[in-house]
Protein backbone atom coordinates (compact mmCIF):
# COMPACT_ATOMS: atom_id res chain seq x y z
CA MET A 1 0.00 0.00 0.00
CA PRO A 2 1.53 3.39 -1.00
CA VAL A 3 2.49 5.93 1.65
CA PRO A 4 1.93 9.70 1.32
CA ASP A 5 4.52 11.51 -0.81
CA ALA A 6 7.45 12.74 1.26
CA PRO A 7 7.10 16.42 0.18
CA LEU A 8 3.42 16.39 1.15
CA LEU A 9 4.28 14.84 4.51
CA LEU A 10 6.91 17.52 5.05
CA ALA A 11 4.52 20.37 4.27
CA ALA A 12 1.90 18.94 6.64
CA ALA A 13 4.48 18.33 9.40
CA LEU A 14 5.81 21.90 9.15
CA LEU A 15 2.30 23.30 9.57
CA VAL A 16 1.47 20.99 12.49
CA GLU A 17 4.70 21.80 14.34
CA ALA A 18 4.38 25.55 13.77
CA ALA A 19 0.83 25.46 15.16
CA ALA A 20 1.26 23.12 18.12
CA GLY A 21 4.93 22.35 18.72
CA TYR A 22 5.56 19.34 20.95
CA PRO A 23 3.25 19.62 23.96
CA ASP A 24 4.93 19.63 27.37
CA ALA A 25 2.29 17.26 28.74
CA LEU A 26 3.12 14.72 26.04
CA TYR A 27 6.83 15.07 26.76
CA ARG A 28 6.28 14.45 30.47
CA ARG A 29 4.16 11.39 29.73
CA ILE A 30 6.11 9.60 27.00
CA GLY A 31 9.28 11.60 26.35
CA HIS A 32 10.35 12.61 22.85
CA PRO A 33 11.95 10.77 19.90
CA VAL A 34 15.25 12.47 20.70
CA THR A 35 15.16 11.17 24.29
CA TRP A 36 14.41 7.66 23.03
CA ILE A 37 17.29 7.82 20.56
CA GLY A 38 19.47 9.33 23.29
CA ALA A 39 18.74 6.40 25.60
CA LEU A 40 19.86 3.98 22.88
CA ILE A 41 23.05 5.98 22.30
CA ALA A 42 23.83 6.03 26.03
CA ALA A 43 23.34 2.27 26.25
CA LEU A 44 25.65 1.64 23.29
CA ASP A 45 28.23 4.02 24.76
CA ARG A 46 28.21 2.19 28.09
CA THR A 47 28.40 -1.22 26.43
CA LEU A 48 30.81 -0.74 23.54
CA ASN A 49 33.03 2.20 24.46
CA ARG A 50 35.61 0.52 26.71
CA PRO A 51 38.45 2.84 27.80
CA ALA A 52 40.89 -0.07 28.06
CA ASP A 53 40.54 -0.93 24.35
CA PRO A 54 43.05 0.42 21.79
CA PHE A 55 42.12 3.56 19.83
CA ALA A 56 41.43 1.64 16.61
CA VAL A 57 39.16 -0.83 18.38
CA ARG A 58 37.17 1.98 20.00
CA ARG A 59 36.80 3.72 16.64
CA ALA A 60 35.52 0.48 15.07
CA ALA A 61 33.13 0.08 18.00
CA GLY A 62 31.86 3.60 17.32
CA VAL A 63 31.18 2.71 13.69
CA ALA A 64 29.23 -0.38 14.78
CA ALA A 65 27.30 1.65 17.35
CA LEU A 66 26.41 4.26 14.71
CA LEU A 67 25.09 1.58 12.36
CA ALA A 68 22.93 0.15 15.15
CA LEU A 69 21.55 3.47 16.35
CA VAL A 70 20.59 4.38 12.79
CA ALA A 71 19.12 0.98 11.91
CA VAL A 72 16.89 0.64 14.97
CA PRO A 73 15.04 4.00 14.77
CA VAL A 74 14.76 3.88 10.97
CA THR A 75 13.28 0.36 11.10
CA ALA A 76 10.82 1.56 13.74
CA ALA A 77 9.88 4.57 11.59
CA LEU A 78 9.21 2.36 8.57
CA ALA A 79 7.02 0.12 10.73
CA VAL A 80 5.06 3.10 12.06
CA GLU A 81 4.61 4.47 8.55
CA ARG A 82 3.36 1.15 7.14
CA GLY A 83 1.18 0.55 10.19
CA LEU A 84 -0.57 3.93 10.01
CA VAL A 85 -1.17 3.54 6.28
CA ALA A 86 -2.62 0.06 6.82
CA LEU A 87 -4.84 1.37 9.64
CA PHE A 88 -6.12 4.61 8.10
CA GLY A 89 -5.48 4.22 4.37
CA PRO A 90 -2.95 6.13 2.25
CA VAL A 91 -4.90 9.42 2.29
CA ALA A 92 -6.15 9.68 5.87
CA ALA A 93 -2.81 8.41 7.21
CA LEU A 94 -1.28 11.75 6.27
CA VAL A 95 -2.70 13.36 9.42
CA PRO A 96 -1.24 10.99 12.06
CA LEU A 97 1.98 10.70 10.06
CA ALA A 98 2.32 14.49 10.00
CA VAL A 99 1.79 14.62 13.76
CA VAL A 100 4.53 12.02 14.29
CA ALA A 101 6.87 13.69 11.80
CA SER A 102 6.34 17.12 13.39
CA SER A 103 8.16 15.85 16.50
CA LEU A 104 11.37 15.81 14.44
CA LEU A 105 11.20 19.57 13.80
CA ALA A 106 12.09 22.36 16.22
CA GLN A 107 10.62 25.51 14.66
CA ARG A 108 8.44 26.51 17.60
CA SER A 109 10.66 25.36 20.46
CA LEU A 110 13.71 27.14 19.01
CA HIS A 111 11.73 30.37 18.71
CA ASP A 112 10.44 30.04 22.28
CA HIS A 113 13.89 29.37 23.78
CA VAL A 114 15.48 32.36 22.04
CA ALA A 115 12.51 34.59 22.85
CA ALA A 116 12.98 33.60 26.51
CA VAL A 117 16.44 35.19 26.41
CA ARG A 118 14.99 38.44 25.05
CA ASP A 119 12.17 38.42 27.59
CA GLY A 120 14.54 37.54 30.44
CA LEU A 121 16.80 40.49 29.67
CA ARG A 122 13.86 42.87 29.47
CA ALA A 123 12.15 41.63 32.64
CA GLY A 124 15.04 40.55 34.88
CA GLY A 125 18.17 42.07 33.40
CA LEU A 126 21.47 40.27 32.89
CA PRO A 127 20.98 37.49 35.51
CA ALA A 128 17.68 36.41 33.93
CA GLY A 129 19.19 36.63 30.45
CA ARG A 130 22.10 34.44 31.52
CA ARG A 131 19.74 31.83 32.97
CA ALA A 132 17.72 31.73 29.76
CA VAL A 133 20.70 31.54 27.43
CA SER A 134 22.26 28.73 29.50
CA MET A 135 19.39 26.53 28.25
CA ILE A 136 20.52 26.79 24.62
CA VAL A 137 24.32 27.24 24.59
CA GLY A 138 27.25 25.30 26.01
CA ARG A 139 29.44 28.23 27.02
CA ASN A 140 29.68 29.56 30.59
CA PRO A 141 26.92 32.19 30.90
CA GLU A 142 28.59 33.83 33.92
CA ARG A 143 31.34 35.04 31.59
CA LEU A 144 28.87 36.77 29.27
CA ASP A 145 27.86 40.41 29.50
CA GLU A 146 24.52 41.52 28.03
CA ALA A 147 25.95 41.82 24.51
CA GLY A 148 27.53 38.38 24.85
CA VAL A 149 24.23 36.87 25.98
CA CYS A 150 22.48 38.38 22.96
CA ARG A 151 25.17 37.24 20.52
CA ALA A 152 25.00 33.72 21.98
CA ALA A 153 21.22 33.69 21.54
CA VAL A 154 21.41 34.81 17.91
CA GLU A 155 24.24 32.37 17.14
CA SER A 156 22.19 29.54 18.64
CA LEU A 157 19.15 30.64 16.64
CA ALA A 158 21.13 30.60 13.39
CA GLU A 159 22.93 27.30 13.96
CA ASN A 160 19.87 25.48 15.28
CA TYR A 161 17.74 26.84 12.46
CA SER A 162 19.98 24.84 10.16
CA ASP A 163 20.34 21.58 12.10
CA GLY A 164 17.06 21.68 14.05
CA VAL A 165 14.69 22.90 11.34
CA VAL A 166 16.10 22.91 7.80
CA ALA A 167 18.07 19.66 8.03
CA PRO A 168 15.27 17.44 9.43
CA ALA A 169 12.86 19.11 7.01
CA LEU A 170 15.15 18.36 4.08
CA TRP A 171 15.55 14.71 5.07
CA LEU A 172 11.80 14.40 5.69
CA GLY A 173 11.14 15.86 2.25
CA VAL A 174 13.55 13.42 0.62
CA GLY A 175 12.99 10.23 2.60
CA GLY A 176 9.68 10.62 4.40
CA LEU A 177 9.40 9.70 8.07
CA ALA A 178 12.33 7.26 7.85
CA GLY A 179 14.51 9.97 6.31
CA GLY A 180 13.69 12.40 9.10
CA VAL A 181 14.37 9.79 11.78
CA PHE A 182 17.67 8.87 10.11
CA TYR A 183 18.80 12.48 10.33
CA LYS A 184 17.66 12.89 13.92
CA ALA A 185 19.52 9.74 14.98
CA VAL A 186 22.77 10.95 13.40
CA ASN A 187 22.44 14.48 14.78
CA THR A 188 21.64 13.25 18.30
CA ALA A 189 24.60 10.88 18.19
CA ASP A 190 26.89 13.75 17.23
CA SER A 191 25.61 15.91 20.10
CA MET A 192 26.14 13.11 22.63
CA ILE A 193 29.32 11.35 21.52
CA GLY A 194 30.69 13.36 18.58
CA HIS A 195 32.96 15.66 20.59
CA ARG A 196 36.70 15.49 21.15
CA SER A 197 36.79 14.48 24.79
CA GLU A 198 39.17 11.73 25.85
CA ARG A 199 36.26 9.28 26.14
CA HIS A 200 34.70 10.03 22.74
CA ARG A 201 37.59 11.06 20.50
CA ALA A 202 37.68 7.55 18.98
CA PHE A 203 34.20 6.20 19.71
CA GLY A 204 32.40 9.30 18.45
CA TRP A 205 34.53 9.82 15.34
CA ALA A 206 32.07 8.18 12.93
CA ALA A 207 29.08 10.04 14.40
CA ALA A 208 30.81 13.41 14.06
CA ARG A 209 31.94 12.79 10.48
CA LEU A 210 28.52 11.52 9.35
CA ASP A 211 26.78 14.47 11.02
CA ASP A 212 29.01 16.88 9.10
CA LEU A 213 28.07 15.12 5.88
CA VAL A 214 24.29 14.96 6.38
CA ASN A 215 24.19 18.61 7.50
CA LEU A 216 26.21 19.91 4.57
CA PRO A 217 23.32 20.45 2.10
CA ALA A 218 20.99 21.78 4.81
CA SER A 219 23.46 24.43 6.00
CA ARG A 220 23.78 25.81 2.46
CA LEU A 221 20.01 25.70 1.99
CA ALA A 222 19.50 27.46 5.35
CA ALA A 223 21.84 30.26 4.27
CA LEU A 224 19.95 30.63 0.99
CA LEU A 225 16.61 30.85 2.80
CA VAL A 226 18.01 33.54 5.12
CA VAL A 227 19.31 35.53 2.14
CA LEU A 228 15.90 35.37 0.46
CA ALA A 229 14.05 36.21 3.68
CA ALA A 230 16.39 39.19 4.14
CA LEU A 231 14.86 40.80 1.04
CA GLY A 232 12.18 42.06 3.45
CA PRO A 233 12.29 45.37 5.35
CA GLY A 234 14.93 46.05 7.99
CA THR A 235 17.38 43.43 6.73
CA SER A 236 19.95 43.19 3.96
CA ALA A 237 20.01 40.30 1.49
CA ARG A 238 23.16 41.77 -0.04
CA GLY A 239 24.83 41.90 3.38
CA ALA A 240 23.80 38.30 4.09
CA LEU A 241 25.19 37.07 0.77
CA ALA A 242 28.45 38.98 1.23
CA ALA A 243 28.96 37.63 4.75
CA VAL A 244 28.34 34.05 3.64
CA HIS A 245 30.79 34.41 0.77
CA ARG A 246 33.46 36.07 2.92
CA ASP A 247 33.10 34.45 6.35
CA ALA A 248 31.31 31.07 6.33
CA ARG A 249 34.43 29.05 5.53
CA HIS A 250 36.30 30.57 8.49
CA HIS A 251 33.98 29.06 11.10
CA ARG A 252 35.40 26.14 13.10
CA SER A 253 32.39 24.07 11.96
CA PRO A 254 32.14 23.13 8.26
CA ASN A 255 28.40 23.85 8.38
CA ALA A 256 27.48 26.27 11.18
CA GLY A 257 29.24 29.20 9.53
CA TRP A 258 26.75 29.32 6.67
CA PRO A 259 23.57 30.19 8.58
CA GLU A 260 25.48 32.22 11.21
CA ALA A 261 27.15 34.36 8.55
CA ALA A 262 23.83 34.79 6.73
CA PHE A 263 22.06 35.98 9.89
CA ALA A 264 24.96 38.25 10.81
CA GLY A 265 25.17 39.87 7.39
CA ALA A 266 21.41 40.26 7.07
CA LEU A 267 21.13 42.01 10.44
CA GLY A 268 24.38 43.98 10.45
CA PHE A 269 25.95 42.01 13.30
CA ALA A 270 29.34 40.44 13.96
CA LEU A 271 28.81 36.98 15.48
CA ALA A 272 31.08 34.11 16.60
CA GLY A 273 34.73 35.13 17.07
CA PRO A 274 36.72 34.04 20.17
CA ARG A 275 34.44 32.43 22.80
CA VAL A 276 34.87 30.54 26.07
CA TYR A 277 33.33 27.08 26.52
CA GLY A 278 33.77 26.01 30.12
CA ASP A 279 37.37 27.12 30.73
CA THR A 280 38.50 26.64 27.13
CA LEU A 281 38.97 29.57 24.76
CA VAL A 282 37.82 28.77 21.22
CA ASP A 283 39.45 31.11 18.70
CA ASP A 284 36.79 31.14 15.98
CA GLY A 285 36.43 33.40 12.95
CA TYR A 286 34.00 36.31 12.94
CA MET A 287 30.74 35.93 11.04
CA GLY A 288 29.73 39.33 9.65
CA ASN A 289 31.51 42.66 10.11
CA GLY A 290 28.84 44.69 11.87
CA ARG A 291 28.00 45.51 15.50
CA ARG A 292 28.84 43.28 18.46
CA ASP A 293 27.14 45.40 21.14
CA LEU A 294 23.78 43.67 20.79
CA GLY A 295 20.75 44.07 23.04
CA ALA A 296 17.32 42.54 23.54
CA ASP A 297 15.89 44.49 20.60
CA ASP A 298 18.50 42.91 18.34
CA VAL A 299 17.46 39.42 19.48
CA ASP A 300 13.92 40.45 18.56
CA ARG A 301 15.08 41.50 15.08
CA ALA A 302 16.74 38.11 14.63
CA LEU A 303 13.48 36.39 15.60
CA VAL A 304 11.57 38.44 13.03
CA LEU A 305 14.02 37.29 10.35
CA TYR A 306 13.72 33.71 11.63
CA ARG A 307 9.92 33.81 11.31
CA ARG A 308 10.28 35.02 7.73
CA THR A 309 12.54 32.07 6.91
CA LEU A 310 9.95 29.68 8.38
CA ALA A 311 7.19 31.19 6.24
CA LEU A 312 9.41 30.96 3.16
CA GLN A 313 10.35 27.35 3.94
CA ALA A 314 6.70 26.37 4.37
CA ALA A 315 5.81 28.05 1.08
CA VAL A 316 8.59 26.19 -0.73
CA ALA A 317 7.51 22.88 0.82
CA LEU A 318 3.89 23.43 -0.24
CA ALA A 319 4.97 24.37 -3.75
CA VAL A 320 7.13 21.27 -4.09
CA ALA A 321 4.33 19.07 -2.72
CA ALA A 322 1.88 20.58 -5.22
CA ALA A 323 4.33 20.10 -8.09
CA VAL A 324 4.91 16.45 -7.15
CA ALA A 325 1.15 15.87 -6.92
CA LEU A 326 0.64 17.24 -10.42
CA VAL A 327 3.35 15.06 -12.02
């Protein structure tokens, strides 16, 4: 029995997630797909990542773990997809499938977390802004002044727009529910074991490399969407394009520089640069060549641009779904 076209599923999932997000009550009751995938990753890490093993053995174990943590969720997603189609039929199944697929997107939650930084600064000053930004960045908030808090919020908005919104949407649009779950499994693995700590330098190598690969097209697409959205009032598409061309390749991440540079250039900011994570100074390149003394109003401007990109992305998804339906 055929399943709904992937572009149509994507368009429906984007609309569902923008309208409802992922309800807190549902999260408290059953968790979230990311937490389920995270539990599997943690179990594989405990079982297969043995510090006494040689580096090469731990790297091979990481490859095996990555294969398992991709295979299990993707197989489950295919089963859910086939089961819902068998239960409701290929047309009516679109609704429950869209609800399930919407859990893989982070449009609404990303907006809410960044808006909380803006609101915290306005209502409670720097201490409240630091508390809010600590929920979305890994650096030490106590070392951030108000401008640093605002830059961190906008940087998080830009980077997570790419890997929390555009990337899962792209993989949903290409591979349906299984494609979206595949991406989410890889991205979650990278966030948990893909860093260069002593424990995960070998075991997380495969997860980090695969995450870079699967995010590569999405980061470029995210930058393009920001450039197009910056054609609206109060932003500069030319500035966004120039910053991407000049600065994106100087970011320490092969992908994060693209959306960060696009946001920075569109808004007239200078983002990234040297930053402290824990007690470690990361000497990163600057994204954009504008102001660094940002405030709550500048976070608000970034959120306006973000909402424009979401509207543009939804319009593109609907257009592609309509084109596929007419073929």
